[in-house]
All heavy atoms as atom14 arrays in JSON, in Angstrom:
{
  "sequence": "LEEADNRNHPLLERLRFLSISGNNLDEFLMVRVAGLVAQQRAGVE",
  "atom14_mask": [
    [1, 1, 1, 1, 1, 1, 1, 1, 0, 0, 0, 0, 0, 0],
    [1, 1, 1, 1, 1, 1, 1, 1, 1, 0, 0, 0, 0, 0],
    [1, 1, 1, 1, 1, 1, 1, 1, 1, 0, 0, 0, 0, 0],
    [1, 1, 1, 1, 1, 0, 0, 0, 0, 0, 0, 0, 0, 0],
    [1, 1, 1, 1, 1, 1, 1, 1, 0, 0, 0, 0, 0, 0],
    [1, 1, 1, 1, 1, 1, 1, 1, 0, 0, 0, 0, 0, 0],
    [1, 1, 1, 1, 1, 1, 1, 1, 1, 1, 1, 0, 0, 0],
    [1, 1, 1, 1, 1, 1, 1, 1, 0, 0, 0, 0, 0, 0],
    [1, 1, 1, 1, 1, 1, 1, 1, 1, 1, 0, 0, 0, 0],
    [1, 1, 1, 1, 1, 1, 1, 0, 0, 0, 0, 0, 0, 0],
    [1, 1, 1, 1, 1, 1, 1, 1, 0, 0, 0, 0, 0, 0],
    [1, 1, 1, 1, 1, 1, 1, 1, 0, 0, 0, 0, 0, 0],
    [1, 1, 1, 1, 1, 1, 1, 1, 1, 0, 0, 0, 0, 0],
    [1, 1, 1, 1, 1, 1, 1, 1, 1, 1, 1, 0, 0, 0],
    [1, 1, 1, 1, 1, 1, 1, 1, 0, 0, 0, 0, 0, 0],
    [1, 1, 1, 1, 1, 1, 1, 1, 1, 1, 1, 0, 0, 0],
    [1, 1, 1, 1, 1, 1, 1, 1, 1, 1, 1, 0, 0, 0],
    [1, 1, 1, 1, 1, 1, 1, 1, 0, 0, 0, 0, 0, 0],
    [1, 1, 1, 1, 1, 1, 0, 0, 0, 0, 0, 0, 0, 0],
    [1, 1, 1, 1, 1, 1, 1, 1, 0, 0, 0, 0, 0, 0],
    [1, 1, 1, 1, 1, 1, 0, 0, 0, 0, 0, 0, 0, 0],
    [1, 1, 1, 1, 0, 0, 0, 0, 0, 0, 0, 0, 0, 0],
    [1, 1, 1, 1, 1, 1, 1, 1, 0, 0, 0, 0, 0, 0],
    [1, 1, 1, 1, 1, 1, 1, 1, 0, 0, 0, 0, 0, 0],
    [1, 1, 1, 1, 1, 1, 1, 1, 0, 0, 0, 0, 0, 0],
    [1, 1, 1, 1, 1, 1, 1, 1, 0, 0, 0, 0, 0, 0],
    [1, 1, 1, 1, 1, 1, 1, 1, 1, 0, 0, 0, 0, 0],
    [1, 1, 1, 1, 1, 1, 1, 1, 1, 1, 1, 0, 0, 0],
    [1, 1, 1, 1, 1, 1, 1, 1, 0, 0, 0, 0, 0, 0],
    [1, 1, 1, 1, 1, 1, 1, 1, 0, 0, 0, 0, 0, 0],
    [1, 1, 1, 1, 1, 1, 1, 0, 0, 0, 0, 0, 0, 0],
    [1, 1, 1, 1, 1, 1, 1, 1, 1, 1, 1, 0, 0, 0],
    [1, 1, 1, 1, 1, 1, 1, 0, 0, 0, 0, 0, 0, 0],
    [1, 1, 1, 1, 1, 0, 0, 0, 0, 0, 0, 0, 0, 0],
    [1, 1, 1, 1, 0, 0, 0, 0, 0, 0, 0, 0, 0, 0],
    [1, 1, 1, 1, 1, 1, 1, 1, 0, 0, 0, 0, 0, 0],
    [1, 1, 1, 1, 1, 1, 1, 0, 0, 0, 0, 0, 0, 0],
    [1, 1, 1, 1, 1, 0, 0, 0, 0, 0, 0, 0, 0, 0],
    [1, 1, 1, 1, 1, 1, 1, 1, 1, 0, 0, 0, 0, 0],
    [1, 1, 1, 1, 1, 1, 1, 1, 1, 0, 0, 0, 0, 0],
    [1, 1, 1, 1, 1, 1, 1, 1, 1, 1, 1, 0, 0, 0],
    [1, 1, 1, 1, 1, 0, 0, 0, 0, 0, 0, 0, 0, 0],
    [1, 1, 1, 1, 0, 0, 0, 0, 0, 0, 0, 0, 0, 0],
    [1, 1, 1, 1, 1, 1, 1, 0, 0, 0, 0, 0, 0, 0],
    [1, 1, 1, 1, 1, 1, 1, 1, 1, 0, 0, 0, 0, 0]
  ],
  "atom14_positions": [
    [[-36.78, -96.14, 8.22], [-36.57, -95.37, 9.44], [-36.74, -96.24, 10.68], [-36.04, -96.02, 11.69], [-37.55, -94.19, 9.48], [-37.49, -93.28, 10.7], [-36.1, -92.64, 10.83], [-38.56, -92.21, 10.63], [0.0, 0.0, 0.0], [0.0, 0.0, 0.0], [0.0, 0.0, 0.0], [0.0, 0.0, 0.0], [0.0, 0.0, 0.0], [0.0, 0.0, 0.0]],
    [[-37.64, -97.21, 10.62], [-37.85, -98.08, 11.78], [-36.6, -98.86, 12.15], [-36.41, -99.25, 13.3], [-39.01, -99.04, 11.5], [-40.37, -98.35, 11.5], [-41.49, -99.28, 11.08], [-41.17, -100.43, 10.68], [-42.66, -98.89, 11.15], [0.0, 0.0, 0.0], [0.0, 0.0, 0.0], [0.0, 0.0, 0.0], [0.0, 0.0, 0.0], [0.0, 0.0, 0.0]],
    [[-35.72, -99.08, 11.16], [-34.47, -99.78, 11.45], [-33.56, -98.95, 12.35], [-32.69, -99.5, 13.02], [-33.74, -100.11, 10.14], [-34.44, -101.15, 9.29], [-34.61, -102.47, 10.03], [-33.63, -102.92, 10.65], [-35.71, -103.03, 10.0], [0.0, 0.0, 0.0], [0.0, 0.0, 0.0], [0.0, 0.0, 0.0], [0.0, 0.0, 0.0], [0.0, 0.0, 0.0]],
    [[-33.77, -97.63, 12.37], [-32.98, -96.79, 13.28], [-33.36, -97.05, 14.73], [-32.6, -96.7, 15.64], [-33.19, -95.31, 12.94], [0.0, 0.0, 0.0], [0.0, 0.0, 0.0], [0.0, 0.0, 0.0], [0.0, 0.0, 0.0], [0.0, 0.0, 0.0], [0.0, 0.0, 0.0], [0.0, 0.0, 0.0], [0.0, 0.0, 0.0], [0.0, 0.0, 0.0]],
    [[-34.52, -97.65, 14.96], [-34.97, -97.96, 16.31], [-34.78, -99.44, 16.65], [-35.18, -99.89, 17.71], [-36.45, -97.58, 16.46], [-36.9, -97.51, 17.9], [-36.1, -97.07, 18.76], [-38.05, -97.9, 18.2], [0.0, 0.0, 0.0], [0.0, 0.0, 0.0], [0.0, 0.0, 0.0], [0.0, 0.0, 0.0], [0.0, 0.0, 0.0], [0.0, 0.0, 0.0]],
    [[-34.17, -100.17, 15.73], [-33.94, -101.61, 15.93], [-32.65, -101.8, 16.73], [-31.55, -101.62, 16.22], [-33.85, -102.31, 14.58], [-33.78, -103.82, 14.71], [-33.52, -104.36, 15.79], [-34.0, -104.51, 13.61], [0.0, 0.0, 0.0], [0.0, 0.0, 0.0], [0.0, 0.0, 0.0], [0.0, 0.0, 0.0], [0.0, 0.0, 0.0], [0.0, 0.0, 0.0]],
    [[-32.79, -102.18, 17.99], [-31.63, -102.31, 18.86], [-30.78, -103.55, 18.56], [-29.76, -103.78, 19.22], [-32.07, -102.31, 20.32], [-32.73, -100.99, 20.71], [-33.2, -100.98, 22.16], [-33.81, -99.7, 22.49], [-33.15, -98.62, 22.87], [-31.83, -98.68, 23.0], [-33.78, -97.5, 23.14], [0.0, 0.0, 0.0], [0.0, 0.0, 0.0], [0.0, 0.0, 0.0]],
    [[-31.2, -104.35, 17.6], [-30.36, -105.47, 17.17], [-29.21, -104.99, 16.29], [-28.25, -105.72, 16.06], [-31.2, -106.5, 16.4], [-32.19, -107.22, 17.29], [-31.9, -107.51, 18.45], [-33.37, -107.5, 16.76], [0.0, 0.0, 0.0], [0.0, 0.0, 0.0], [0.0, 0.0, 0.0], [0.0, 0.0, 0.0], [0.0, 0.0, 0.0], [0.0, 0.0, 0.0]],
    [[-29.31, -103.75, 15.79], [-28.24, -103.18, 14.98], [-27.27, -102.41, 15.87], [-27.66, -101.87, 16.9], [-28.81, -102.21, 13.94], [-29.73, -102.85, 12.95], [-29.42, -104.01, 12.28], [-30.97, -102.46, 12.5], [-30.42, -104.33, 11.48], [-31.36, -103.41, 11.59], [0.0, 0.0, 0.0], [0.0, 0.0, 0.0], [0.0, 0.0, 0.0], [0.0, 0.0, 0.0]],
    [[-26.0, -102.33, 15.48], [-25.06, -101.47, 16.21], [-25.54, -100.02, 16.18], [-26.25, -99.6, 15.26], [-23.74, -101.65, 15.44], [-23.88, -102.95, 14.72], [-25.33, -103.09, 14.4], [0.0, 0.0, 0.0], [0.0, 0.0, 0.0], [0.0, 0.0, 0.0], [0.0, 0.0, 0.0], [0.0, 0.0, 0.0], [0.0, 0.0, 0.0], [0.0, 0.0, 0.0]],
    [[-25.12, -99.28, 17.19], [-25.63, -97.91, 17.36], [-25.35, -97.04, 16.15], [-26.24, -96.31, 15.67], [-25.01, -97.29, 18.62], [-25.52, -95.9, 19.03], [-27.02, -95.9, 19.18], [-24.84, -95.47, 20.33], [0.0, 0.0, 0.0], [0.0, 0.0, 0.0], [0.0, 0.0, 0.0], [0.0, 0.0, 0.0], [0.0, 0.0, 0.0], [0.0, 0.0, 0.0]],
    [[-24.13, -97.08, 15.62], [-23.81, -96.23, 14.47], [-24.52, -96.69, 13.2], [-24.8, -95.87, 12.32], [-22.29, -96.2, 14.24], [-21.47, -95.52, 15.34], [-19.99, -95.53, 15.0], [-21.95, -94.08, 15.57], [0.0, 0.0, 0.0], [0.0, 0.0, 0.0], [0.0, 0.0, 0.0], [0.0, 0.0, 0.0], [0.0, 0.0, 0.0], [0.0, 0.0, 0.0]],
    [[-24.84, -97.98, 13.11], [-25.63, -98.45, 11.96], [-27.05, -97.91, 12.04], [-27.66, -97.59, 11.02], [-25.64, -99.97, 11.92], [-24.36, -100.6, 11.43], [-24.04, -100.17, 10.01], [-24.93, -100.22, 9.14], [-22.89, -99.74, 9.76], [0.0, 0.0, 0.0], [0.0, 0.0, 0.0], [0.0, 0.0, 0.0], [0.0, 0.0, 0.0], [0.0, 0.0, 0.0]],
    [[-27.57, -97.8, 13.25], [-28.9, -97.23, 13.41], [-28.9, -95.75, 12.99], [-29.86, -95.27, 12.38], [-29.36, -97.37, 14.86], [-29.61, -98.83, 15.27], [-29.72, -98.96, 16.76], [-30.78, -98.12, 17.29], [-30.91, -97.82, 18.59], [-30.03, -98.29, 19.46], [-31.91, -97.07, 18.98], [0.0, 0.0, 0.0], [0.0, 0.0, 0.0], [0.0, 0.0, 0.0]],
    [[-27.82, -95.06, 13.31], [-27.7, -93.68, 12.88], [-27.61, -93.6, 11.36], [-28.16, -92.67, 10.73], [-26.45, -93.06, 13.51], [-26.25, -91.55, 13.31], [-27.38, -90.77, 13.95], [-24.9, -91.12, 13.89], [0.0, 0.0, 0.0], [0.0, 0.0, 0.0], [0.0, 0.0, 0.0], [0.0, 0.0, 0.0], [0.0, 0.0, 0.0], [0.0, 0.0, 0.0]],
    [[-26.98, -94.58, 10.75], [-26.87, -94.61, 9.29], [-28.26, -94.8, 8.66], [-28.59, -94.17, 7.64], [-25.94, -95.74, 8.85], [-25.68, -95.77, 7.34], [-24.88, -97.0, 6.98], [-23.59, -97.0, 7.64], [-22.51, -96.41, 7.14], [-22.58, -95.77, 5.99], [-21.37, -96.47, 7.78], [0.0, 0.0, 0.0], [0.0, 0.0, 0.0], [0.0, 0.0, 0.0]],
    [[-29.09, -95.66, 9.25], [-30.44, -95.85, 8.72], [-31.23, -94.55, 8.8], [-32.02, -94.23, 7.9], [-31.16, -96.95, 9.5], [-30.86, -98.34, 9.02], [-30.18, -99.24, 9.82], [-31.27, -98.75, 7.75], [-29.9, -100.52, 9.37], [-30.99, -100.03, 7.3], [-30.3, -100.91, 8.12], [0.0, 0.0, 0.0], [0.0, 0.0, 0.0], [0.0, 0.0, 0.0]],
    [[-31.05, -93.79, 9.86], [-31.72, -92.5, 9.98], [-31.27, -91.57, 8.85], [-32.09, -90.88, 8.22], [-31.42, -91.86, 11.34], [-31.95, -90.45, 11.57], [-33.47, -90.41, 11.44], [-31.52, -89.94, 12.95], [0.0, 0.0, 0.0], [0.0, 0.0, 0.0], [0.0, 0.0, 0.0], [0.0, 0.0, 0.0], [0.0, 0.0, 0.0], [0.0, 0.0, 0.0]],
    [[-29.99, -91.56, 8.57], [-29.45, -90.74, 7.5], [-29.99, -91.18, 6.14], [-30.33, -90.34, 5.29], [-27.92, -90.78, 7.51], [-27.38, -90.06, 6.43], [0.0, 0.0, 0.0], [0.0, 0.0, 0.0], [0.0, 0.0, 0.0], [0.0, 0.0, 0.0], [0.0, 0.0, 0.0], [0.0, 0.0, 0.0], [0.0, 0.0, 0.0], [0.0, 0.0, 0.0]],
    [[-30.08, -92.49, 5.93], [-30.6, -93.01, 4.66], [-32.04, -92.57, 4.45], [-32.44, -92.18, 3.34], [-30.48, -94.54, 4.62], [-29.01, -94.97, 4.56], [-31.25, -95.12, 3.45], [-28.8, -96.46, 4.71], [0.0, 0.0, 0.0], [0.0, 0.0, 0.0], [0.0, 0.0, 0.0], [0.0, 0.0, 0.0], [0.0, 0.0, 0.0], [0.0, 0.0, 0.0]],
    [[-32.83, -92.6, 5.5], [-34.23, -92.18, 5.37], [-34.32, -90.71, 4.98], [-35.21, -90.31, 4.22], [-35.0, -92.45, 6.67], [-34.67, -91.5, 7.67], [0.0, 0.0, 0.0], [0.0, 0.0, 0.0], [0.0, 0.0, 0.0], [0.0, 0.0, 0.0], [0.0, 0.0, 0.0], [0.0, 0.0, 0.0], [0.0, 0.0, 0.0], [0.0, 0.0, 0.0]],
    [[-33.4, -89.89, 5.5], [-33.38, -88.48, 5.13], [-32.99, -88.27, 3.67], [-33.61, -87.48, 2.96], [0.0, 0.0, 0.0], [0.0, 0.0, 0.0], [0.0, 0.0, 0.0], [0.0, 0.0, 0.0], [0.0, 0.0, 0.0], [0.0, 0.0, 0.0], [0.0, 0.0, 0.0], [0.0, 0.0, 0.0], [0.0, 0.0, 0.0], [0.0, 0.0, 0.0]],
    [[-31.97, -89.0, 3.21], [-31.56, -88.9, 1.81], [-32.67, -89.39, 0.87], [-32.91, -88.81, -0.19], [-30.29, -89.71, 1.57], [-29.06, -89.09, 2.22], [-29.02, -87.88, 2.44], [-28.07, -89.9, 2.52], [0.0, 0.0, 0.0], [0.0, 0.0, 0.0], [0.0, 0.0, 0.0], [0.0, 0.0, 0.0], [0.0, 0.0, 0.0], [0.0, 0.0, 0.0]],
    [[-33.33, -90.47, 1.27], [-34.44, -90.97, 0.47], [-35.55, -89.93, 0.33], [-36.13, -89.76, -0.74], [-35.02, -92.24, 1.11], [-34.12, -93.46, 0.96], [-33.16, -93.44, 0.18], [-34.41, -94.5, 1.69], [0.0, 0.0, 0.0], [0.0, 0.0, 0.0], [0.0, 0.0, 0.0], [0.0, 0.0, 0.0], [0.0, 0.0, 0.0], [0.0, 0.0, 0.0]],
    [[-35.84, -89.26, 1.42], [-36.9, -88.25, 1.39], [-36.52, -87.09, 0.47], [-37.38, -86.56, -0.24], [-37.18, -87.75, 2.81], [-38.36, -86.78, 2.96], [-39.64, -87.4, 2.42], [-38.54, -86.39, 4.42], [0.0, 0.0, 0.0], [0.0, 0.0, 0.0], [0.0, 0.0, 0.0], [0.0, 0.0, 0.0], [0.0, 0.0, 0.0], [0.0, 0.0, 0.0]],
    [[-35.26, -86.69, 0.48], [-34.81, -85.63, -0.43], [-35.06, -86.04, -1.89], [-35.58, -85.25, -2.69], [-33.32, -85.35, -0.23], [-33.04, -84.6, 1.06], [-33.99, -84.03, 1.64], [-31.88, -84.59, 1.5], [0.0, 0.0, 0.0], [0.0, 0.0, 0.0], [0.0, 0.0, 0.0], [0.0, 0.0, 0.0], [0.0, 0.0, 0.0], [0.0, 0.0, 0.0]],
    [[-34.68, -87.25, -2.25], [-34.87, -87.72, -3.62], [-36.36, -87.81, -3.97], [-36.76, -87.49, -5.1], [-34.2, -89.08, -3.8], [-32.67, -89.03, -3.68], [-32.04, -90.39, -3.87], [-32.78, -91.36, -4.17], [-30.81, -90.51, -3.71], [0.0, 0.0, 0.0], [0.0, 0.0, 0.0], [0.0, 0.0, 0.0], [0.0, 0.0, 0.0], [0.0, 0.0, 0.0]],
    [[-37.16, -88.22, -3.02], [-38.61, -88.31, -3.24], [-39.19, -86.94, -3.56], [-40.0, -86.79, -4.48], [-39.26, -88.89, -1.99], [-40.76, -88.93, -2.04], [-41.42, -89.88, -2.8], [-41.52, -88.02, -1.33], [-42.81, -89.92, -2.84], [-42.9, -88.04, -1.36], [-43.55, -89.01, -2.12], [0.0, 0.0, 0.0], [0.0, 0.0, 0.0], [0.0, 0.0, 0.0]],
    [[-38.76, -85.92, -2.83], [-39.26, -84.57, -3.08], [-38.76, -84.03, -4.42], [-39.49, -83.35, -5.14], [-38.82, -83.64, -1.94], [-39.43, -83.94, -0.57], [-38.79, -83.07, 0.5], [-40.94, -83.72, -0.57], [0.0, 0.0, 0.0], [0.0, 0.0, 0.0], [0.0, 0.0, 0.0], [0.0, 0.0, 0.0], [0.0, 0.0, 0.0], [0.0, 0.0, 0.0]],
    [[-37.51, -84.34, -4.77], [-36.93, -83.82, -6.01], [-37.56, -84.45, -7.24], [-37.62, -83.81, -8.3], [-35.42, -84.06, -6.03], [-34.62, -83.17, -5.11], [-32.84, -83.29, -5.39], [-32.52, -84.98, -4.89], [0.0, 0.0, 0.0], [0.0, 0.0, 0.0], [0.0, 0.0, 0.0], [0.0, 0.0, 0.0], [0.0, 0.0, 0.0], [0.0, 0.0, 0.0]],
    [[-38.02, -85.69, -7.13], [-38.5, -86.41, -8.31], [-40.03, -86.57, -8.27], [-40.74, -86.01, -9.1], [-37.82, -87.79, -8.42], [-38.34, -88.54, -9.63], [-36.31, -87.63, -8.5], [0.0, 0.0, 0.0], [0.0, 0.0, 0.0], [0.0, 0.0, 0.0], [0.0, 0.0, 0.0], [0.0, 0.0, 0.0], [0.0, 0.0, 0.0], [0.0, 0.0, 0.0]],
    [[-40.52, -87.32, -7.3], [-41.95, -87.65, -7.29], [-42.82, -86.44, -6.99], [-43.78, -86.17, -7.71], [-42.2, -88.74, -6.24], [-41.41, -90.03, -6.44], [-42.22, -91.07, -7.2], [-41.49, -92.32, -7.32], [-41.86, -93.46, -6.72], [-42.91, -93.49, -5.95], [-41.17, -94.57, -6.92], [0.0, 0.0, 0.0], [0.0, 0.0, 0.0], [0.0, 0.0, 0.0]],
    [[-42.5, -85.71, -5.93], [-43.32, -84.56, -5.56], [-43.2, -83.46, -6.61], [-44.19, -82.81, -6.98], [-42.93, -84.04, -4.17], [-43.66, -82.73, -3.85], [-43.27, -85.07, -3.1], [0.0, 0.0, 0.0], [0.0, 0.0, 0.0], [0.0, 0.0, 0.0], [0.0, 0.0, 0.0], [0.0, 0.0, 0.0], [0.0, 0.0, 0.0], [0.0, 0.0, 0.0]],
    [[-41.99, -83.25, -7.11], [-41.8, -82.23, -8.15], [-42.65, -82.54, -9.38], [-43.21, -81.63, -10.0], [-40.32, -82.14, -8.53], [0.0, 0.0, 0.0], [0.0, 0.0, 0.0], [0.0, 0.0, 0.0], [0.0, 0.0, 0.0], [0.0, 0.0, 0.0], [0.0, 0.0, 0.0], [0.0, 0.0, 0.0], [0.0, 0.0, 0.0], [0.0, 0.0, 0.0]],
    [[-42.77, -83.81, -9.73], [-43.61, -84.19, -10.87], [-45.07, -83.87, -10.63], [-45.77, -83.39, -11.54], [0.0, 0.0, 0.0], [0.0, 0.0, 0.0], [0.0, 0.0, 0.0], [0.0, 0.0, 0.0], [0.0, 0.0, 0.0], [0.0, 0.0, 0.0], [0.0, 0.0, 0.0], [0.0, 0.0, 0.0], [0.0, 0.0, 0.0], [0.0, 0.0, 0.0]],
    [[-45.56, -84.14, -9.43], [-46.96, -83.83, -9.11], [-47.21, -82.32, -9.1], [-48.26, -81.85, -9.54], [-47.32, -84.44, -7.76], [-47.46, -85.96, -7.71], [-47.67, -86.44, -6.29], [-48.61, -86.42, -8.6], [0.0, 0.0, 0.0], [0.0, 0.0, 0.0], [0.0, 0.0, 0.0], [0.0, 0.0, 0.0], [0.0, 0.0, 0.0], [0.0, 0.0, 0.0]],
    [[-46.24, -81.56, -8.58], [-46.38, -80.1, -8.58], [-46.46, -79.58, -10.01], [-47.27, -78.69, -10.32], [-45.2, -79.45, -7.82], [-45.21, -77.94, -8.02], [-45.28, -79.78, -6.33], [0.0, 0.0, 0.0], [0.0, 0.0, 0.0], [0.0, 0.0, 0.0], [0.0, 0.0, 0.0], [0.0, 0.0, 0.0], [0.0, 0.0, 0.0], [0.0, 0.0, 0.0]],
    [[-45.64, -80.14, -10.9], [-45.68, -79.72, -12.3], [-47.03, -80.04, -12.93], [-47.57, -79.23, -13.7], [-44.55, -80.41, -13.08], [0.0, 0.0, 0.0], [0.0, 0.0, 0.0], [0.0, 0.0, 0.0], [0.0, 0.0, 0.0], [0.0, 0.0, 0.0], [0.0, 0.0, 0.0], [0.0, 0.0, 0.0], [0.0, 0.0, 0.0], [0.0, 0.0, 0.0]],
    [[-47.6, -81.19, -12.61], [-48.92, -81.54, -13.13], [-49.98, -80.59, -12.61], [-50.86, -80.14, -13.36], [-49.28, -82.97, -12.72], [-48.45, -84.05, -13.38], [-48.87, -85.44, -12.95], [-50.05, -85.72, -12.77], [-47.89, -86.32, -12.77], [0.0, 0.0, 0.0], [0.0, 0.0, 0.0], [0.0, 0.0, 0.0], [0.0, 0.0, 0.0], [0.0, 0.0, 0.0]],
    [[-49.91, -80.26, -11.33], [-50.89, -79.36, -10.75], [-50.81, -77.98, -11.39], [-51.84, -77.36, -11.69], [-50.68, -79.26, -9.24], [-51.76, -78.49, -8.5], [-51.5, -78.42, -7.02], [-50.38, -78.13, -6.59], [-52.51, -78.71, -6.2], [0.0, 0.0, 0.0], [0.0, 0.0, 0.0], [0.0, 0.0, 0.0], [0.0, 0.0, 0.0], [0.0, 0.0, 0.0]],
    [[-49.61, -77.49, -11.63], [-49.46, -76.17, -12.26], [-49.96, -76.17, -13.7], [-50.46, -75.16, -14.2], [-47.99, -75.75, -12.23], [-47.52, -75.34, -10.86], [-46.07, -74.95, -10.91], [-45.6, -74.47, -9.62], [-44.34, -74.25, -9.33], [-43.41, -74.45, -10.24], [-43.98, -73.8, -8.14], [0.0, 0.0, 0.0], [0.0, 0.0, 0.0], [0.0, 0.0, 0.0]],
    [[-49.83, -77.31, -14.36], [-50.29, -77.41, -15.75], [-51.79, -77.64, -15.83], [-52.34, -77.73, -16.94], [-49.54, -78.54, -16.46], [0.0, 0.0, 0.0], [0.0, 0.0, 0.0], [0.0, 0.0, 0.0], [0.0, 0.0, 0.0], [0.0, 0.0, 0.0], [0.0, 0.0, 0.0], [0.0, 0.0, 0.0], [0.0, 0.0, 0.0], [0.0, 0.0, 0.0]],
    [[-52.45, -77.74, -14.69], [-53.9, -77.94, -14.69], [-54.33, -79.36, -14.98], [-55.48, -79.6, -15.37], [0.0, 0.0, 0.0], [0.0, 0.0, 0.0], [0.0, 0.0, 0.0], [0.0, 0.0, 0.0], [0.0, 0.0, 0.0], [0.0, 0.0, 0.0], [0.0, 0.0, 0.0], [0.0, 0.0, 0.0], [0.0, 0.0, 0.0], [0.0, 0.0, 0.0]],
    [[-53.43, -80.31, -14.8], [-53.77, -81.71, -15.06], [-54.71, -82.21, -13.97], [-54.43, -82.08, -12.78], [-52.5, -82.59, -15.1], [-52.87, -84.06, -15.25], [-51.59, -82.14, -16.22], [0.0, 0.0, 0.0], [0.0, 0.0, 0.0], [0.0, 0.0, 0.0], [0.0, 0.0, 0.0], [0.0, 0.0, 0.0], [0.0, 0.0, 0.0], [0.0, 0.0, 0.0]],
    [[-55.85, -82.77, -14.37], [-56.83, -83.29, -13.42], [-57.03, -84.8, -13.58], [-57.97, -85.36, -13.01], [-58.17, -82.57, -13.61], [-58.14, -81.1, -13.24], [-57.89, -80.88, -11.74], [-58.23, -81.77, -10.95], [-57.33, -79.82, -11.38], [0.0, 0.0, 0.0], [0.0, 0.0, 0.0], [0.0, 0.0, 0.0], [0.0, 0.0, 0.0], [0.0, 0.0, 0.0]]
  ]
}
């Protein structure tokens, strides 16, 4: 996400970095967070 604030990149490339960070976060929630939620529901300590 910090690359979206890097003025050495062209403006539209900075917008692309912002979009990439959003897509990455979606995948993180679908995989990593979902796995932890499943463990919590199963009572895993």
